[in-house]
C-alpha atoms as a PDB file:
ATOM      1  CA  MET A   1      83.857 158.082  73.476  1.00  0.00           C
ATOM      2  CA  ASN A   2      82.194 155.340  71.457  1.00  0.00           C
ATOM      3  CA  HIS A   3      83.055 155.434  67.759  1.00  0.00           C
ATOM      4  CA  PRO A   4      80.520 153.346  65.841  1.00  0.00           C
ATOM      5  CA  THR A   5      81.462 152.677  62.291  1.00  0.00           C
ATOM      6  CA  ARG A   6      79.399 153.523  59.263  1.00  0.00           C
ATOM      7  CA  TYR A   7      81.974 151.996  56.973  1.00  0.00           C
ATOM      8  CA  PRO A   8      80.470 150.286  53.906  1.00  0.00           C
ATOM      9  CA  THR A   9      81.052 146.555  53.814  1.00  0.00           C
ATOM     10  CA  SER A  10      81.454 145.966  50.081  1.00  0.00           C
ATOM     11  CA  ARG A  11      83.643 147.695  47.493  1.00  0.00           C
ATOM     12  CA  ARG A  12      80.509 148.733  45.571  1.00  0.00           C
ATOM     13  CA  GLN A  13      79.001 150.271  48.744  1.00  0.00           C
ATOM     14  CA  TRP A  14      82.339 151.960  49.464  1.00  0.00           C
ATOM     15  CA  LEU A  15      82.473 153.538  45.997  1.00  0.00           C
ATOM     16  CA  ARG A  16      78.843 154.672  46.218  1.00  0.00           C
ATOM     17  CA  THR A  17      79.505 156.193  49.661  1.00  0.00           C
ATOM     18  CA  ALA A  18      82.749 157.832  48.534  1.00  0.00           C
ATOM     19  CA  LEU A  19      81.094 159.347  45.481  1.00  0.00           C
ATOM     20  CA  GLY A  20      78.159 160.556  47.575  1.00  0.00           C
ATOM     21  CA  ALA A  21      80.497 162.067  50.149  1.00  0.00           C
ATOM     22  CA  ALA A  22      82.536 163.728  47.428  1.00  0.00           C
ATOM     23  CA  VAL A  23      79.418 165.320  45.956  1.00  0.00           C
ATOM     24  CA  ALA A  24      78.104 166.381  49.365  1.00  0.00           C
ATOM     25  CA  ALA A  25      81.523 167.361  50.691  1.00  0.00           C
ATOM     26  CA  PRO A  26      82.677 170.953  50.644  1.00  0.00           C
ATOM     27  CA  VAL A  27      84.944 172.036  47.827  1.00  0.00           C
ATOM     28  CA  LEU A  28      88.702 171.876  48.326  1.00  0.00           C
ATOM     29  CA  ALA A  29      90.298 175.307  47.980  1.00  0.00           C
ATOM     30  CA  LEU A  30      93.702 174.375  46.625  1.00  0.00           C
ATOM     31  CA  PRO A  31      95.711 177.517  47.524  1.00  0.00           C
ATOM     32  CA  GLY A  32      94.987 177.279  51.267  1.00  0.00           C
ATOM     33  CA  ARG A  33      93.880 173.653  51.181  1.00  0.00           C
ATOM     34  CA  VAL A  34      90.879 174.602  53.322  1.00  0.00           C
ATOM     35  CA  TRP A  35      87.964 172.186  53.371  1.00  0.00           C
ATOM     36  CA  ALA A  36      85.096 174.485  54.367  1.00  0.00           C
ATOM     37  CA  ALA A  37      82.611 172.786  56.678  1.00  0.00           C
ATOM     38  CA  PRO A  38      80.501 174.171  59.514  1.00  0.00           C
ATOM     39  CA  VAL A  39      82.471 172.202  62.098  1.00  0.00           C
ATOM     40  CA  ARG A  40      85.603 170.157  61.564  1.00  0.00           C
ATOM     41  CA  GLU A  41      86.400 167.471  64.110  1.00  0.00           C
ATOM     42  CA  LEU A  42      89.079 164.815  64.449  1.00  0.00           C
ATOM     43  CA  ALA A  43      89.650 161.873  66.766  1.00  0.00           C
ATOM     44  CA  PHE A  44      92.927 160.033  67.309  1.00  0.00           C
ATOM     45  CA  ASP A  45      94.295 157.101  69.308  1.00  0.00           C
ATOM     46  CA  HIS A  46      98.091 157.267  69.560  1.00  0.00           C
ATOM     47  CA  LEU A  47      99.535 153.761  69.403  1.00  0.00           C
ATOM     48  CA  HIS A  48     102.817 154.724  71.114  1.00  0.00           C
ATOM     49  CA  THR A  49     101.695 157.102  73.888  1.00  0.00           C
ATOM     50  CA  HIS A  50      98.313 155.374  74.414  1.00  0.00           C
ATOM     51  CA  GLU A  51      96.648 158.801  74.517  1.00  0.00           C
ATOM     52  CA  GLN A  52      93.318 159.615  72.907  1.00  0.00           C
ATOM     53  CA  ILE A  53      91.864 162.876  71.700  1.00  0.00           C
ATOM     54  CA  ASP A  54      88.575 163.880  70.067  1.00  0.00           C
ATOM     55  CA  LEU A  55      87.963 167.554  69.393  1.00  0.00           C
ATOM     56  CA  VAL A  56      86.601 170.261  67.139  1.00  0.00           C
ATOM     57  CA  TYR A  57      89.596 172.036  65.618  1.00  0.00           C
ATOM     58  CA  ALA A  58      87.767 174.467  63.305  1.00  0.00           C
ATOM     59  CA  ARG A  59      84.417 176.176  62.959  1.00  0.00           C
ATOM     60  CA  GLY A  60      83.661 177.327  59.436  1.00  0.00           C
ATOM     61  CA  ASP A  61      86.790 178.954  58.049  1.00  0.00           C
ATOM     62  CA  THR A  62      88.229 179.676  61.517  1.00  0.00           C
ATOM     63  CA  TYR A  63      90.645 177.379  63.302  1.00  0.00           C
ATOM     64  CA  VAL A  64      90.334 177.010  67.081  1.00  0.00           C
ATOM     65  CA  PRO A  65      93.802 178.008  68.409  1.00  0.00           C
ATOM     66  CA  GLU A  66      93.497 176.005  71.653  1.00  0.00           C
ATOM     67  CA  ALA A  67      92.495 172.893  69.699  1.00  0.00           C
ATOM     68  CA  LEU A  68      95.412 173.303  67.284  1.00  0.00           C
ATOM     69  CA  GLY A  69      97.766 173.554  70.266  1.00  0.00           C
ATOM     70  CA  ARG A  70      96.306 170.384  71.754  1.00  0.00           C
ATOM     71  CA  LEU A  71      96.747 168.580  68.422  1.00  0.00           C
ATOM     72  CA  ASP A  72     100.360 169.825  68.162  1.00  0.00           C
ATOM     73  CA  HIS A  73     101.042 168.313  71.587  1.00  0.00           C
ATOM     74  CA  PHE A  74      99.151 165.100  70.860  1.00  0.00           C
ATOM     75  CA  LEU A  75     101.022 164.515  67.590  1.00  0.00           C
ATOM     76  CA  ARG A  76     104.425 165.318  69.133  1.00  0.00           C
ATOM     77  CA  ASP A  77     107.554 163.288  68.391  1.00  0.00           C
ATOM     78  CA  HIS A  78     106.847 160.230  70.543  1.00  0.00           C
ATOM     79  CA  TYR A  79     110.562 159.396  70.723  1.00  0.00           C
ATOM     80  CA  SER A  80     111.823 162.720  72.092  1.00  0.00           C
ATOM     81  CA  GLY A  81     108.662 164.416  73.339  1.00  0.00           C
ATOM     82  CA  GLU A  82     109.476 167.435  71.162  1.00  0.00           C
ATOM     83  CA  VAL A  83     106.368 169.303  70.072  1.00  0.00           C
ATOM     84  CA  GLY A  84     106.262 170.674  66.544  1.00  0.00           C
ATOM     85  CA  ARG A  85     103.663 172.755  64.761  1.00  0.00           C
ATOM     86  CA  ILE A  86     101.282 170.607  62.728  1.00  0.00           C
ATOM     87  CA  ASP A  87     100.091 172.333  59.569  1.00  0.00           C
ATOM     88  CA  PRO A  88      96.298 172.822  59.833  1.00  0.00           C
ATOM     89  CA  GLY A  89      96.078 171.722  56.195  1.00  0.00           C
ATOM     90  CA  LEU A  90      96.989 168.213  57.361  1.00  0.00           C
ATOM     91  CA  HIS A  91      94.043 168.267  59.776  1.00  0.00           C
ATOM     92  CA  ASP A  92      91.796 169.400  56.934  1.00  0.00           C
ATOM     93  CA  LEU A  93      93.011 166.527  54.764  1.00  0.00           C
ATOM     94  CA  LEU A  94      92.318 164.049  57.579  1.00  0.00           C
ATOM     95  CA  HIS A  95      88.862 165.556  58.134  1.00  0.00           C
ATOM     96  CA  ALA A  96      88.053 165.187  54.417  1.00  0.00           C
ATOM     97  CA  LEU A  97      89.389 161.621  54.459  1.00  0.00           C
ATOM     98  CA  ARG A  98      87.022 160.717  57.319  1.00  0.00           C
ATOM     99  CA  ARG A  99      84.137 162.042  55.244  1.00  0.00           C
ATOM    100  CA  VAL A 100      85.149 160.013  52.194  1.00  0.00           C
ATOM    101  CA  LEU A 101      85.449 156.910  54.369  1.00  0.00           C
ATOM    102  CA  ALA A 102      82.091 157.709  56.018  1.00  0.00           C
ATOM    103  CA  THR A 103      83.449 156.825  59.452  1.00  0.00           C
ATOM    104  CA  ASP A 104      83.843 158.621  62.730  1.00  0.00           C
ATOM    105  CA  ARG A 105      86.261 156.064  64.137  1.00  0.00           C
ATOM    106  CA  PRO A 106      89.497 157.586  65.402  1.00  0.00           C
ATOM    107  CA  TYR A 107      92.671 157.508  63.407  1.00  0.00           C
ATOM    108  CA  GLN A 108      95.272 155.250  64.957  1.00  0.00           C
ATOM    109  CA  VAL A 109      98.493 157.260  64.884  1.00  0.00           C
ATOM    110  CA  ILE A 110     101.789 155.546  64.207  1.00  0.00           C
ATOM    111  CA  SER A 111     103.806 158.731  63.621  1.00  0.00           C
ATOM    112  CA  GLY A 112     102.933 162.421  63.530  1.00  0.00           C
ATOM    113  CA  TYR A 113     105.536 165.130  64.010  1.00  0.00           C
ATOM    114  CA  ARG A 114     109.130 163.925  63.843  1.00  0.00           C
ATOM    115  CA  SER A 115     112.056 166.100  64.952  1.00  0.00           C
ATOM    116  CA  PRO A 116     115.032 166.375  62.579  1.00  0.00           C
ATOM    117  CA  ARG A 117     117.159 164.479  65.096  1.00  0.00           C
ATOM    118  CA  THR A 118     114.650 161.628  65.375  1.00  0.00           C
ATOM    119  CA  ASN A 119     114.258 161.535  61.601  1.00  0.00           C
ATOM    120  CA  ALA A 120     118.038 161.269  61.113  1.00  0.00           C
ATOM    121  CA  HIS A 121     118.245 158.487  63.714  1.00  0.00           C
ATOM    122  CA  LEU A 122     115.410 156.522  62.082  1.00  0.00           C
ATOM    123  CA  LYS A 123     116.953 157.015  58.641  1.00  0.00           C
ATOM    124  CA  ALA A 124     120.273 155.612  59.914  1.00  0.00           C
ATOM    125  CA  THR A 125     118.789 152.644  61.801  1.00  0.00           C
ATOM    126  CA  ARG A 126     115.743 151.523  59.804  1.00  0.00           C
ATOM    127  CA  GLY A 127     117.453 150.629  56.541  1.00  0.00           C
ATOM    128  CA  GLY A 128     115.198 152.732  54.322  1.00  0.00           C
ATOM    129  CA  GLY A 129     111.629 153.892  54.406  1.00  0.00           C
ATOM    130  CA  VAL A 130     112.499 157.205  56.080  1.00  0.00           C
ATOM    131  CA  ALA A 131     112.998 160.203  53.815  1.00  0.00           C
ATOM    132  CA  THR A 132     115.912 162.536  54.490  1.00  0.00           C
ATOM    133  CA  ARG A 133     113.622 165.568  54.076  1.00  0.00           C
ATOM    134  CA  SER A 134     110.514 163.972  55.559  1.00  0.00           C
ATOM    135  CA  LEU A 135     107.369 166.098  55.680  1.00  0.00           C
ATOM    136  CA  HIS A 136     106.888 164.693  59.201  1.00  0.00           C
ATOM    137  CA  MET A 137     109.551 167.226  60.254  1.00  0.00           C
ATOM    138  CA  ASP A 138     107.399 170.054  58.855  1.00  0.00           C
ATOM    139  CA  GLY A 139     104.214 168.850  60.529  1.00  0.00           C
ATOM    140  CA  GLN A 140     102.769 168.032  57.111  1.00  0.00           C
ATOM    141  CA  ALA A 141     102.656 164.213  57.256  1.00  0.00           C
ATOM    142  CA  ILE A 142     101.170 161.481  59.391  1.00  0.00           C
ATOM    143  CA  ASP A 143     101.208 157.665  59.393  1.00  0.00           C
ATOM    144  CA  ILE A 144      97.797 156.212  60.252  1.00  0.00           C
ATOM    145  CA  ARG A 145      95.294 153.406  60.076  1.00  0.00           C
ATOM    146  CA  VAL A 146      91.629 153.136  61.069  1.00  0.00           C
ATOM    147  CA  SER A 147      90.223 150.173  62.968  1.00  0.00           C
ATOM    148  CA  GLY A 148      87.733 148.282  60.821  1.00  0.00           C
ATOM    149  CA  VAL A 149      88.824 149.964  57.576  1.00  0.00           C
ATOM    150  CA  PRO A 150      90.895 147.793  55.247  1.00  0.00           C
ATOM    151  CA  LEU A 151      94.288 149.398  54.714  1.00  0.00           C
ATOM    152  CA  ALA A 152      93.948 149.315  50.919  1.00  0.00           C
ATOM    153  CA  ASP A 153      90.628 151.168  51.171  1.00  0.00           C
ATOM    154  CA  LEU A 154      92.235 153.827  53.385  1.00  0.00           C
ATOM    155  CA  ARG A 155      94.994 154.196  50.786  1.00  0.00           C
ATOM    156  CA  ASP A 156      92.499 154.411  47.919  1.00  0.00           C
ATOM    157  CA  ALA A 157      90.340 156.970  49.716  1.00  0.00           C
ATOM    158  CA  ALA A 158      93.382 159.131  50.471  1.00  0.00           C
ATOM    159  CA  TRP A 159      94.512 158.896  46.847  1.00  0.00           C
ATOM    160  CA  SER A 160      91.022 159.846  45.611  1.00  0.00           C
ATOM    161  CA  LEU A 161      91.407 163.236  47.310  1.00  0.00           C
ATOM    162  CA  GLN A 162      94.497 164.100  45.219  1.00  0.00           C
ATOM    163  CA  ALA A 163      95.638 166.403  48.016  1.00  0.00           C
ATOM    164  CA  GLY A 164      99.206 165.216  48.648  1.00  0.00           C
ATOM    165  CA  GLY A 165     101.362 162.149  49.035  1.00  0.00           C
ATOM    166  CA  VAL A 166     100.014 158.699  49.841  1.00  0.00           C
ATOM    167  CA  GLY A 167     102.338 155.893  50.904  1.00  0.00           C
ATOM    168  CA  TYR A 168     101.112 152.344  51.406  1.00  0.00           C
ATOM    169  CA  TYR A 169     102.875 150.119  53.941  1.00  0.00           C
ATOM    170  CA  PRO A 170     100.846 146.897  54.251  1.00  0.00           C
ATOM    171  CA  ARG A 171     103.588 144.945  56.051  1.00  0.00           C
ATOM    172  CA  GLU A 172     103.874 147.669  58.705  1.00  0.00           C
ATOM    173  CA  GLN A 173     100.081 148.170  58.668  1.00  0.00           C
ATOM    174  CA  PHE A 174      99.820 151.895  57.983  1.00  0.00           C
ATOM    175  CA  VAL A 175      99.172 154.483  55.329  1.00  0.00           C
ATOM    176  CA  HIS A 176     101.256 157.653  55.102  1.00  0.00           C
ATOM    177  CA  VAL A 177      99.399 160.809  54.055  1.00  0.00           C
ATOM    178  CA  ASP A 178     100.876 164.250  53.590  1.00  0.00           C
ATOM    179  CA  ILE A 179     100.039 167.630  52.101  1.00  0.00           C
ATOM    180  CA  GLY A 180     103.089 167.815  49.860  1.00  0.00           C
ATOM    181  CA  ARG A 181     102.969 167.332  46.121  1.00  0.00           C
ATOM    182  CA  VAL A 182     100.526 164.725  44.806  1.00  0.00           C
ATOM    183  CA  ARG A 183     102.318 161.375  44.452  1.00  0.00           C
ATOM    184  CA  ARG A 184     102.012 157.770  45.613  1.00  0.00           C
ATOM    185  CA  TRP A 185     104.265 154.867  46.478  1.00  0.00           C
ATOM    186  CA  GLY A 186     103.972 151.348  47.835  1.00  0.00           C
ATOM    187  CA  SER A 187     101.864 148.486  46.496  1.00  0.00           C
END
């Protein structure tokens, strides 16, 4: 599927688009973190498995069970193949982030679900940067980037939502987003 960008080219255009999207966007319901919209769709390219997916995962306030299952499988631990349950609130956050960015380009996935065993291995071998109680293990975090979107703009857009954690990893070329408590780290 072709994913043309509608990403603003200047910071001023980006802010105008983000503010317009925020005004036009549905309201965030904090308790369930549901972003009501007639249809919610996501697209991903997985950088490790080389798989792609583009689907509608919710219609109105109803999630599509088959689509959620496909997303669980797509975002599986790419080291072990173990499939975890991805919290639908994470999908809603990613959907809202696409709206703020005004793009329909797919997210490039670096890491989705991470099994406890994989997480422990990465923590022991990567010399930092991997949390002991990572929200990746709960299906509530993802490491992403978007082709054509400057990494700092992705970080800023995610932070503007105030819907969870935002980690910025410019050297590794990704942004971490999660639906845990609101916090930020990195440059």
